[in-house]
Amino acid sequence: MVLPISAAVLMLIVVVLLIRRAGLKFWHALACTLLGFYLASSSIAPSIKTLTTNVAGMLTGIKL
């Protein structure tokens, strides 16, 4: 059974794991989050969205 999961939720899980396990500081995670918000409102946001969509498409196309 395949469950669709939002990329934002997946990234949140990764950040929480990095804070707990890899020693990522909360302030560093906050700075990266703010950078994400600024990038989302910038002129390169459509290019980033296209890139992530293409990468996700390639990953789902891999047969194991």
Protein backbone atom coordinates (compact mmCIF):
# COMPACT_ATOMS: atom_id res chain seq x y z
CA MET A 1 0.00 0.00 0.00
CA VAL A 2 1.46 3.35 -1.04
CA LEU A 3 0.65 6.32 1.15
CA PRO A 4 1.10 9.77 -0.38
CA ILE A 5 3.11 12.05 1.88
CA SER A 6 3.68 15.73 1.46
CA ALA A 7 7.22 16.86 0.77
CA ALA A 8 6.87 19.41 3.57
CA VAL A 9 5.93 16.71 6.08
CA LEU A 10 8.81 14.55 4.91
CA MET A 11 11.27 17.43 5.27
CA LEU A 12 9.90 18.23 8.73
CA ILE A 13 10.54 14.64 9.80
CA VAL A 14 14.08 14.81 8.42
CA VAL A 15 14.79 18.07 10.28
CA VAL A 16 13.43 16.69 13.56
CA LEU A 17 15.61 13.60 13.16
CA LEU A 18 18.65 15.75 12.39
CA ILE A 19 18.04 17.88 15.48
CA ARG A 20 17.69 14.82 17.71
CA ARG A 21 20.29 12.47 16.23
CA ALA A 22 22.89 14.46 14.28
CA GLY A 23 23.28 17.43 16.59
CA LEU A 24 21.69 20.02 14.32
CA LYS A 25 21.06 23.13 16.36
CA PHE A 26 17.56 24.52 16.54
CA TRP A 27 18.77 27.92 15.33
CA HIS A 28 20.35 26.37 12.25
CA ALA A 29 17.09 24.60 11.41
CA LEU A 30 15.20 27.87 11.93
CA ALA A 31 17.59 29.71 9.60
CA CYS A 32 17.09 27.03 6.92
CA THR A 33 13.31 27.28 7.34
CA LEU A 34 13.41 31.06 6.90
CA LEU A 35 15.59 30.61 3.82
CA GLY A 36 12.96 28.26 2.43
CA PHE A 37 10.23 30.84 2.93
CA TYR A 38 12.32 33.51 1.21
CA LEU A 39 13.11 31.19 -1.69
CA ALA A 40 9.42 30.31 -2.06
CA SER A 41 8.59 33.96 -2.61
CA SER A 42 11.52 34.63 -4.94
CA SER A 43 11.63 34.56 -8.73
CA ILE A 44 13.43 31.21 -8.78
CA ALA A 45 10.59 29.40 -6.95
CA PRO A 46 9.08 27.97 -10.19
CA SER A 47 12.47 26.55 -11.19
CA ILE A 48 12.92 24.94 -7.77
CA LYS A 49 9.41 23.46 -7.95
CA THR A 50 10.08 22.06 -11.43
CA LEU A 51 13.38 20.55 -10.28
CA THR A 52 11.84 18.86 -7.23
CA THR A 53 8.91 17.58 -9.29
CA ASN A 54 11.28 16.08 -11.86
CA VAL A 55 13.47 14.46 -9.20
CA ALA A 56 10.40 13.01 -7.47
CA GLY A 57 9.20 11.67 -10.83
CA MET A 58 12.56 10.01 -11.45
CA LEU A 59 12.58 8.46 -7.97
CA THR A 60 9.07 7.05 -8.37
CA GLY A 61 10.05 5.59 -11.74
CA ILE A 62 12.84 3.45 -10.26
CA LYS A 63 11.93 -0.21 -10.18
CA LEU A 64 13.48 -2.17 -7.31
